[in-house]
């Protein structure tokens, strides 16, 4: 039977930082996709679609902000190790 070694705290923080980097890039890509869709289909927009796109963009910006805040905290935690 093979026993999986436990991760050290430093490795765990590094893995979280890597995950946060991927999430930030994914959310930025989604935000650019929303803006690209808006730019291509601006003539077909009605009020409801405009509100939905606006809400989506705001949620993506909030998500990116939260990930960046957590990312900074994890970097500070890594610095202390």
PDB file of N, CA and C in Angstrom:
ATOM      1  N   UNK A   1       0.844  -1.185   0.000  1.00  0.00           N
ATOM      2  CA  UNK A   1       0.000   0.000   0.000  1.00  0.00           C
ATOM      3  C   UNK A   1       0.886   1.243   0.000  1.00  0.00           C
ATOM      4  N   UNK A   2       0.583   2.156  -0.905  1.00  0.00           N
ATOM      5  CA  UNK A   2       1.349   3.389  -1.030  1.00  0.00           C
ATOM      6  C   UNK A   2       0.688   4.483  -0.213  1.00  0.00           C
ATOM      7  N   UNK A   3       1.456   5.135   0.628  1.00  0.00           N
ATOM      8  CA  UNK A   3       0.937   6.226   1.454  1.00  0.00           C
ATOM      9  C   UNK A   3       1.319   7.544   0.795  1.00  0.00           C
ATOM     10  N   UNK A   4       0.318   8.363   0.568  1.00  0.00           N
ATOM     11  CA  UNK A   4       0.542   9.666  -0.052  1.00  0.00           C
ATOM     12  C   UNK A   4       1.088  10.623   1.004  1.00  0.00           C
ATOM     13  N   UNK A   5       2.238  11.227   0.724  1.00  0.00           N
ATOM     14  CA  UNK A   5       2.785  12.165   1.725  1.00  0.00           C
ATOM     15  C   UNK A   5       1.921  13.406   1.841  1.00  0.00           C
ATOM     16  N   UNK A   6       1.869  13.936   3.047  1.00  0.00           N
ATOM     17  CA  UNK A   6       1.076  15.150   3.277  1.00  0.00           C
ATOM     18  C   UNK A   6       1.798  16.359   2.709  1.00  0.00           C
ATOM     19  N   UNK A   7       1.002  17.320   2.285  1.00  0.00           N
ATOM     20  CA  UNK A   7       1.563  18.561   1.763  1.00  0.00           C
ATOM     21  C   UNK A   7       2.006  19.436   2.923  1.00  0.00           C
ATOM     22  N   UNK A   8       3.112  20.115   2.725  1.00  0.00           N
ATOM     23  CA  UNK A   8       3.513  21.083   3.737  1.00  0.00           C
ATOM     24  C   UNK A   8       2.636  22.322   3.581  1.00  0.00           C
ATOM     25  N   UNK A   9       2.666  23.172   4.587  1.00  0.00           N
ATOM     26  CA  UNK A   9       1.846  24.380   4.533  1.00  0.00           C
ATOM     27  C   UNK A   9       2.280  25.277   3.373  1.00  0.00           C
ATOM     28  N   UNK A  10       3.578  25.327   3.128  1.00  0.00           N
ATOM     29  CA  UNK A  10       4.094  26.157   2.048  1.00  0.00           C
ATOM     30  C   UNK A  10       3.608  25.641   0.689  1.00  0.00           C
ATOM     31  N   UNK A  11       3.648  24.334   0.484  1.00  0.00           N
ATOM     32  CA  UNK A  11       3.170  23.756  -0.780  1.00  0.00           C
ATOM     33  C   UNK A  11       1.688  24.019  -0.966  1.00  0.00           C
ATOM     34  N   UNK A  12       0.943  23.940   0.118  1.00  0.00           N
ATOM     35  CA  UNK A  12      -0.497  24.174   0.048  1.00  0.00           C
ATOM     36  C   UNK A  12      -0.804  25.620  -0.353  1.00  0.00           C
ATOM     37  N   UNK A  13      -0.073  26.567   0.230  1.00  0.00           N
ATOM     38  CA  UNK A  13      -0.269  27.979  -0.107  1.00  0.00           C
ATOM     39  C   UNK A  13       0.114  28.231  -1.566  1.00  0.00           C
ATOM     40  N   UNK A  14       1.193  27.620  -2.026  1.00  0.00           N
ATOM     41  CA  UNK A  14       1.613  27.783  -3.414  1.00  0.00           C
ATOM     42  C   UNK A  14       0.556  27.217  -4.362  1.00  0.00           C
ATOM     43  N   UNK A  15      -0.021  26.066  -4.013  1.00  0.00           N
ATOM     44  CA  UNK A  15      -1.070  25.472  -4.847  1.00  0.00           C
ATOM     45  C   UNK A  15      -2.298  26.382  -4.901  1.00  0.00           C
ATOM     46  N   UNK A  16      -2.669  26.988  -3.770  1.00  0.00           N
ATOM     47  CA  UNK A  16      -3.805  27.919  -3.763  1.00  0.00           C
ATOM     48  C   UNK A  16      -3.525  29.142  -4.608  1.00  0.00           C
ATOM     49  N   UNK A  17      -2.302  29.643  -4.535  1.00  0.00           N
ATOM     50  CA  UNK A  17      -1.929  30.811  -5.340  1.00  0.00           C
ATOM     51  C   UNK A  17      -2.036  30.479  -6.824  1.00  0.00           C
ATOM     52  N   UNK A  18      -1.567  29.289  -7.210  1.00  0.00           N
ATOM     53  CA  UNK A  18      -1.674  28.884  -8.611  1.00  0.00           C
ATOM     54  C   UNK A  18      -3.135  28.788  -9.048  1.00  0.00           C
ATOM     55  N   UNK A  19      -3.986  28.230  -8.198  1.00  0.00           N
ATOM     56  CA  UNK A  19      -5.408  28.140  -8.510  1.00  0.00           C
ATOM     57  C   UNK A  19      -6.027  29.528  -8.661  1.00  0.00           C
ATOM     58  N   UNK A  20      -5.667  30.444  -7.785  1.00  0.00           N
ATOM     59  CA  UNK A  20      -6.197  31.805  -7.863  1.00  0.00           C
ATOM     60  C   UNK A  20      -5.749  32.496  -9.149  1.00  0.00           C
ATOM     61  N   UNK A  21      -4.507  32.248  -9.581  1.00  0.00           N
ATOM     62  CA  UNK A  21      -4.044  32.828 -10.838  1.00  0.00           C
ATOM     63  C   UNK A  21      -4.887  32.326 -12.007  1.00  0.00           C
ATOM     64  N   UNK A  22      -5.187  31.041 -12.011  1.00  0.00           N
ATOM     65  CA  UNK A  22      -6.003  30.471 -13.089  1.00  0.00           C
ATOM     66  C   UNK A  22      -7.409  31.064 -13.061  1.00  0.00           C
ATOM     67  N   UNK A  23      -7.991  31.202 -11.876  1.00  0.00           N
ATOM     68  CA  UNK A  23      -9.334  31.765 -11.760  1.00  0.00           C
ATOM     69  C   UNK A  23      -9.375  33.219 -12.217  1.00  0.00           C
ATOM     70  N   UNK A  24      -8.362  33.989 -11.874  1.00  0.00           N
ATOM     71  CA  UNK A  24      -8.311  35.392 -12.297  1.00  0.00           C
ATOM     72  C   UNK A  24      -8.258  35.478 -13.817  1.00  0.00           C
ATOM     73  N   UNK A  25      -7.417  34.659 -14.446  1.00  0.00           N
ATOM     74  CA  UNK A  25      -7.310  34.671 -15.906  1.00  0.00           C
ATOM     75  C   UNK A  25      -8.621  34.221 -16.547  1.00  0.00           C
ATOM     76  N   UNK A  26      -9.272  33.196 -15.977  1.00  0.00           N
ATOM     77  CA  UNK A  26     -10.542  32.708 -16.534  1.00  0.00           C
ATOM     78  C   UNK A  26     -11.624  33.783 -16.445  1.00  0.00           C
ATOM     79  N   UNK A  27     -11.695  34.463 -15.304  1.00  0.00           N
ATOM     80  CA  UNK A  27     -12.705  35.506 -15.148  1.00  0.00           C
ATOM     81  C   UNK A  27     -12.411  36.702 -16.049  1.00  0.00           C
ATOM     82  N   UNK A  28     -11.146  37.040 -16.232  1.00  0.00           N
ATOM     83  CA  UNK A  28     -10.806  38.119 -17.163  1.00  0.00           C
ATOM     84  C   UNK A  28     -11.192  37.734 -18.587  1.00  0.00           C
ATOM     85  N   UNK A  29     -10.946  36.492 -18.956  1.00  0.00           N
ATOM     86  CA  UNK A  29     -11.345  36.018 -20.279  1.00  0.00           C
ATOM     87  C   UNK A  29     -12.857  36.098 -20.469  1.00  0.00           C
ATOM     88  N   UNK A  30     -13.602  35.710 -19.430  1.00  0.00           N
ATOM     89  CA  UNK A  30     -15.060  35.792 -19.513  1.00  0.00           C
ATOM     90  C   UNK A  30     -15.523  37.244 -19.614  1.00  0.00           C
ATOM     91  N   UNK A  31     -14.870  38.132 -18.882  1.00  0.00           N
ATOM     92  CA  UNK A  31     -15.234  39.551 -18.942  1.00  0.00           C
ATOM     93  C   UNK A  31     -14.977  40.121 -20.342  1.00  0.00           C
ATOM     94  N   UNK A  32     -13.836  39.775 -20.936  1.00  0.00           N
ATOM     95  CA  UNK A  32     -13.556  40.231 -22.301  1.00  0.00           C
ATOM     96  C   UNK A  32     -14.550  39.636 -23.288  1.00  0.00           C
ATOM     97  N   UNK A  33     -14.976  38.410 -23.050  1.00  0.00           N
ATOM     98  CA  UNK A  33     -15.973  37.783 -23.928  1.00  0.00           C
ATOM     99  C   UNK A  33     -17.304  38.534 -23.845  1.00  0.00           C
ATOM    100  N   UNK A  34     -17.694  38.946 -22.649  1.00  0.00           N
ATOM    101  CA  UNK A  34     -18.936  39.717 -22.487  1.00  0.00           C
ATOM    102  C   UNK A  34     -18.828  41.043 -23.226  1.00  0.00           C
ATOM    103  N   UNK A  35     -17.692  41.720 -23.089  1.00  0.00           N
ATOM    104  CA  UNK A  35     -17.518  42.992 -23.794  1.00  0.00           C
ATOM    105  C   UNK A  35     -17.455  42.787 -25.303  1.00  0.00           C
ATOM    106  N   UNK A  36     -16.830  41.697 -25.749  1.00  0.00           N
ATOM    107  CA  UNK A  36     -16.786  41.395 -27.180  1.00  0.00           C
ATOM    108  C   UNK A  36     -18.166  41.120 -27.742  1.00  0.00           C
ATOM    109  N   UNK A  37     -18.962  40.353 -27.003  1.00  0.00           N
ATOM    110  CA  UNK A  37     -20.333  40.077 -27.422  1.00  0.00           C
ATOM    111  C   UNK A  37     -21.129  41.377 -27.512  1.00  0.00           C
ATOM    112  N   UNK A  38     -20.938  42.216 -26.522  1.00  0.00           N
ATOM    113  CA  UNK A  38     -21.646  43.498 -26.502  1.00  0.00           C
ATOM    114  C   UNK A  38     -21.250  44.352 -27.705  1.00  0.00           C
ATOM    115  N   UNK A  39     -19.966  44.375 -28.020  1.00  0.00           N
ATOM    116  CA  UNK A  39     -19.499  45.185 -29.146  1.00  0.00           C
ATOM    117  C   UNK A  39     -20.024  44.656 -30.477  1.00  0.00           C
ATOM    118  N   UNK A  40     -20.127  43.333 -30.610  1.00  0.00           N
ATOM    119  CA  UNK A  40     -20.583  42.755 -31.877  1.00  0.00           C
ATOM    120  C   UNK A  40     -22.091  42.861 -32.081  1.00  0.00           C
ATOM    121  N   UNK A  41     -22.851  42.831 -30.986  1.00  0.00           N
ATOM    122  CA  UNK A  41     -24.308  42.775 -31.095  1.00  0.00           C
ATOM    123  C   UNK A  41     -24.995  44.002 -30.472  1.00  0.00           C
ATOM    124  N   UNK A  42     -24.337  45.136 -30.509  1.00  0.00           N
ATOM    125  CA  UNK A  42     -24.903  46.319 -29.850  1.00  0.00           C
ATOM    126  C   UNK A  42     -26.204  46.785 -30.496  1.00  0.00           C
ATOM    127  N   UNK A  43     -26.402  46.507 -31.772  1.00  0.00           N
ATOM    128  CA  UNK A  43     -27.631  46.955 -32.450  1.00  0.00           C
ATOM    129  C   UNK A  43     -28.846  46.126 -32.045  1.00  0.00           C
ATOM    130  N   UNK A  44     -28.609  44.893 -31.593  1.00  0.00           N
ATOM    131  CA  UNK A  44     -29.707  43.992 -31.224  1.00  0.00           C
ATOM    132  C   UNK A  44     -30.064  44.070 -29.735  1.00  0.00           C
ATOM    133  N   UNK A  45     -29.414  44.933 -29.005  1.00  0.00           N
ATOM    134  CA  UNK A  45     -29.645  45.000 -27.560  1.00  0.00           C
ATOM    135  C   UNK A  45     -30.982  45.652 -27.245  1.00  0.00           C
ATOM    136  N   UNK A  46     -31.690  45.057 -26.317  1.00  0.00           N
ATOM    137  CA  UNK A  46     -32.862  45.707 -25.752  1.00  0.00           C
ATOM    138  C   UNK A  46     -32.569  45.927 -24.271  1.00  0.00           C
ATOM    139  N   UNK A  47     -33.498  46.453 -23.542  1.00  0.00           N
ATOM    140  CA  UNK A  47     -33.266  46.795 -22.133  1.00  0.00           C
ATOM    141  C   UNK A  47     -32.937  45.560 -21.304  1.00  0.00           C
ATOM    142  N   UNK A  48     -33.685  44.483 -21.494  1.00  0.00           N
ATOM    143  CA  UNK A  48     -33.472  43.280 -20.682  1.00  0.00           C
ATOM    144  C   UNK A  48     -32.086  42.693 -20.923  1.00  0.00           C
ATOM    145  N   UNK A  49     -31.679  42.583 -22.177  1.00  0.00           N
ATOM    146  CA  UNK A  49     -30.362  42.038 -22.485  1.00  0.00           C
ATOM    147  C   UNK A  49     -29.256  42.956 -21.976  1.00  0.00           C
ATOM    148  N   UNK A  50     -29.465  44.245 -22.076  1.00  0.00           N
ATOM    149  CA  UNK A  50     -28.490  45.192 -21.548  1.00  0.00           C
ATOM    150  C   UNK A  50     -28.322  45.074 -20.049  1.00  0.00           C
ATOM    151  N   UNK A  51     -29.436  44.890 -19.345  1.00  0.00           N
ATOM    152  CA  UNK A  51     -29.371  44.727 -17.888  1.00  0.00           C
ATOM    153  C   UNK A  51     -28.651  43.433 -17.536  1.00  0.00           C
ATOM    154  N   UNK A  52     -28.962  42.353 -18.254  1.00  0.00           N
ATOM    155  CA  UNK A  52     -28.309  41.072 -17.976  1.00  0.00           C
ATOM    156  C   UNK A  52     -26.809  41.125 -18.251  1.00  0.00           C
ATOM    157  N   UNK A  53     -26.415  41.748 -19.332  1.00  0.00           N
ATOM    158  CA  UNK A  53     -24.989  41.883 -19.641  1.00  0.00           C
ATOM    159  C   UNK A  53     -24.313  42.747 -18.582  1.00  0.00           C
ATOM    160  N   UNK A  54     -24.959  43.814 -18.171  1.00  0.00           N
ATOM    161  CA  UNK A  54     -24.402  44.672 -17.125  1.00  0.00           C
ATOM    162  C   UNK A  54     -24.235  43.936 -15.810  1.00  0.00           C
ATOM    163  N   UNK A  55     -25.251  43.172 -15.421  1.00  0.00           N
ATOM    164  CA  UNK A  55     -25.159  42.391 -14.183  1.00  0.00           C
ATOM    165  C   UNK A  55     -24.043  41.363 -14.285  1.00  0.00           C
ATOM    166  N   UNK A  56     -23.944  40.690 -15.447  1.00  0.00           N
ATOM    167  CA  UNK A  56     -22.874  39.715 -15.648  1.00  0.00           C
ATOM    168  C   UNK A  56     -21.500  40.337 -15.545  1.00  0.00           C
ATOM    169  N   UNK A  57     -21.331  41.507 -16.160  1.00  0.00           N
ATOM    170  CA  UNK A  57     -20.040  42.194 -16.106  1.00  0.00           C
ATOM    171  C   UNK A  57     -19.709  42.622 -14.682  1.00  0.00           C
ATOM    172  N   UNK A  58     -20.691  43.112 -13.958  1.00  0.00           N
ATOM    173  CA  UNK A  58     -20.463  43.529 -12.570  1.00  0.00           C
ATOM    174  C   UNK A  58     -20.079  42.328 -11.712  1.00  0.00           C
ATOM    175  N   UNK A  59     -20.764  41.200 -11.891  1.00  0.00           N
ATOM    176  CA  UNK A  59     -20.435  39.999 -11.121  1.00  0.00           C
ATOM    177  C   UNK A  59     -19.029  39.494 -11.445  1.00  0.00           C
ATOM    178  N   UNK A  60     -18.643  39.552 -12.710  1.00  0.00           N
ATOM    179  CA  UNK A  60     -17.289  39.141 -13.075  1.00  0.00           C
ATOM    180  C   UNK A  60     -16.239  40.068 -12.465  1.00  0.00           C
ATOM    181  N   UNK A  61     -16.508  41.356 -12.468  1.00  0.00           N
ATOM    182  CA  UNK A  61     -15.567  42.309 -11.862  1.00  0.00           C
ATOM    183  C   UNK A  61     -15.460  42.074 -10.362  1.00  0.00           C
ATOM    184  N   UNK A  62     -16.581  41.815  -9.702  1.00  0.00           N
ATOM    185  CA  UNK A  62     -16.555  41.511  -8.267  1.00  0.00           C
ATOM    186  C   UNK A  62     -15.769  40.231  -8.012  1.00  0.00           C
ATOM    187  N   UNK A  63     -15.998  39.210  -8.843  1.00  0.00           N
ATOM    188  CA  UNK A  63     -15.262  37.950  -8.690  1.00  0.00           C
ATOM    189  C   UNK A  63     -13.768  38.142  -8.845  1.00  0.00           C
ATOM    190  N   UNK A  64     -13.363  38.905  -9.854  1.00  0.00           N
ATOM    191  CA  UNK A  64     -11.940  39.170 -10.062  1.00  0.00           C
ATOM    192  C   UNK A  64     -11.364  39.914  -8.862  1.00  0.00           C
ATOM    193  N   UNK A  65     -12.101  40.883  -8.339  1.00  0.00           N
ATOM    194  CA  UNK A  65     -11.632  41.650  -7.180  1.00  0.00           C
ATOM    195  C   UNK A  65     -11.452  40.758  -5.962  1.00  0.00           C
ATOM    196  N   UNK A  66     -12.409  39.879  -5.727  1.00  0.00           N
ATOM    197  CA  UNK A  66     -12.313  38.962  -4.579  1.00  0.00           C
ATOM    198  C   UNK A  66     -11.111  38.043  -4.738  1.00  0.00           C
ATOM    199  N   UNK A  67     -10.902  37.505  -5.942  1.00  0.00           N
ATOM    200  CA  UNK A  67      -9.769  36.618  -6.165  1.00  0.00           C
ATOM    201  C   UNK A  67      -8.450  37.350  -5.969  1.00  0.00           C
ATOM    202  N   UNK A  68      -8.377  38.592  -6.395  1.00  0.00           N
ATOM    203  CA  UNK A  68      -7.142  39.354  -6.226  1.00  0.00           C
ATOM    204  C   UNK A  68      -6.879  39.631  -4.744  1.00  0.00           C
ATOM    205  N   UNK A  69      -7.913  39.934  -3.982  1.00  0.00           N
ATOM    206  CA  UNK A  69      -7.748  40.158  -2.539  1.00  0.00           C
ATOM    207  C   UNK A  69      -7.250  38.889  -1.861  1.00  0.00           C
ATOM    208  N   UNK A  70      -7.860  37.755  -2.179  1.00  0.00           N
ATOM    209  CA  UNK A  70      -7.426  36.486  -1.587  1.00  0.00           C
ATOM    210  C   UNK A  70      -6.004  36.160  -2.024  1.00  0.00           C
ATOM    211  N   UNK A  71      -5.685  36.445  -3.290  1.00  0.00           N
ATOM    212  CA  UNK A  71      -4.347  36.207  -3.827  1.00  0.00           C
ATOM    213  C   UNK A  71      -3.303  36.997  -3.044  1.00  0.00           C
ATOM    214  N   UNK A  72      -3.590  38.253  -2.773  1.00  0.00           N
ATOM    215  CA  UNK A  72      -2.663  39.089  -2.008  1.00  0.00           C
ATOM    216  C   UNK A  72      -2.471  38.552  -0.590  1.00  0.00           C
ATOM    217  N   UNK A  73      -3.547  38.093   0.042  1.00  0.00           N
ATOM    218  CA  UNK A  73      -3.445  37.530   1.392  1.00  0.00           C
ATOM    219  C   UNK A  73      -2.589  36.273   1.392  1.00  0.00           C
ATOM    220  N   UNK A  74      -2.773  35.432   0.375  1.00  0.00           N
ATOM    221  CA  UNK A  74      -1.986  34.199   0.298  1.00  0.00           C
ATOM    222  C   UNK A  74      -0.518  34.509   0.033  1.00  0.00           C
ATOM    223  N   UNK A  75      -0.229  35.533  -0.760  1.00  0.00           N
ATOM    224  CA  UNK A  75       1.154  35.931  -0.975  1.00  0.00           C
ATOM    225  C   UNK A  75       1.780  36.422   0.330  1.00  0.00           C
ATOM    226  N   UNK A  76       1.021  37.181   1.117  1.00  0.00           N
ATOM    227  CA  UNK A  76       1.533  37.631   2.419  1.00  0.00           C
ATOM    228  C   UNK A  76       1.782  36.443   3.330  1.00  0.00           C
ATOM    229  N   UNK A  77       0.866  35.456   3.287  1.00  0.00           N
ATOM    230  CA  UNK A  77       1.021  34.251   4.121  1.00  0.00           C
ATOM    231  C   UNK A  77       2.263  33.474   3.684  1.00  0.00           C
ATOM    232  N   UNK A  78       2.502  33.381   2.396  1.00  0.00           N
ATOM    233  CA  UNK A  78       3.665  32.682   1.874  1.00  0.00           C
ATOM    234  C   UNK A  78       4.946  33.407   2.269  1.00  0.00           C
ATOM    235  N   UNK A  79       4.906  34.715   2.276  1.00  0.00           N
ATOM    236  CA  UNK A  79       6.068  35.501   2.655  1.00  0.00           C
ATOM    237  C   UNK A  79       6.465  35.256   4.109  1.00  0.00           C
ATOM    238  N   UNK A  80       5.468  35.013   4.973  1.00  0.00           N
ATOM    239  CA  UNK A  80       5.745  34.779   6.386  1.00  0.00           C
ATOM    240  C   UNK A  80       6.309  33.396   6.661  1.00  0.00           C
ATOM    241  N   UNK A  81       6.114  32.450   5.728  1.00  0.00           N
ATOM    242  CA  UNK A  81       6.618  31.086   5.948  1.00  0.00           C
ATOM    243  C   UNK A  81       8.102  30.984   5.725  1.00  0.00           C
TER     244      UNK A  81
END
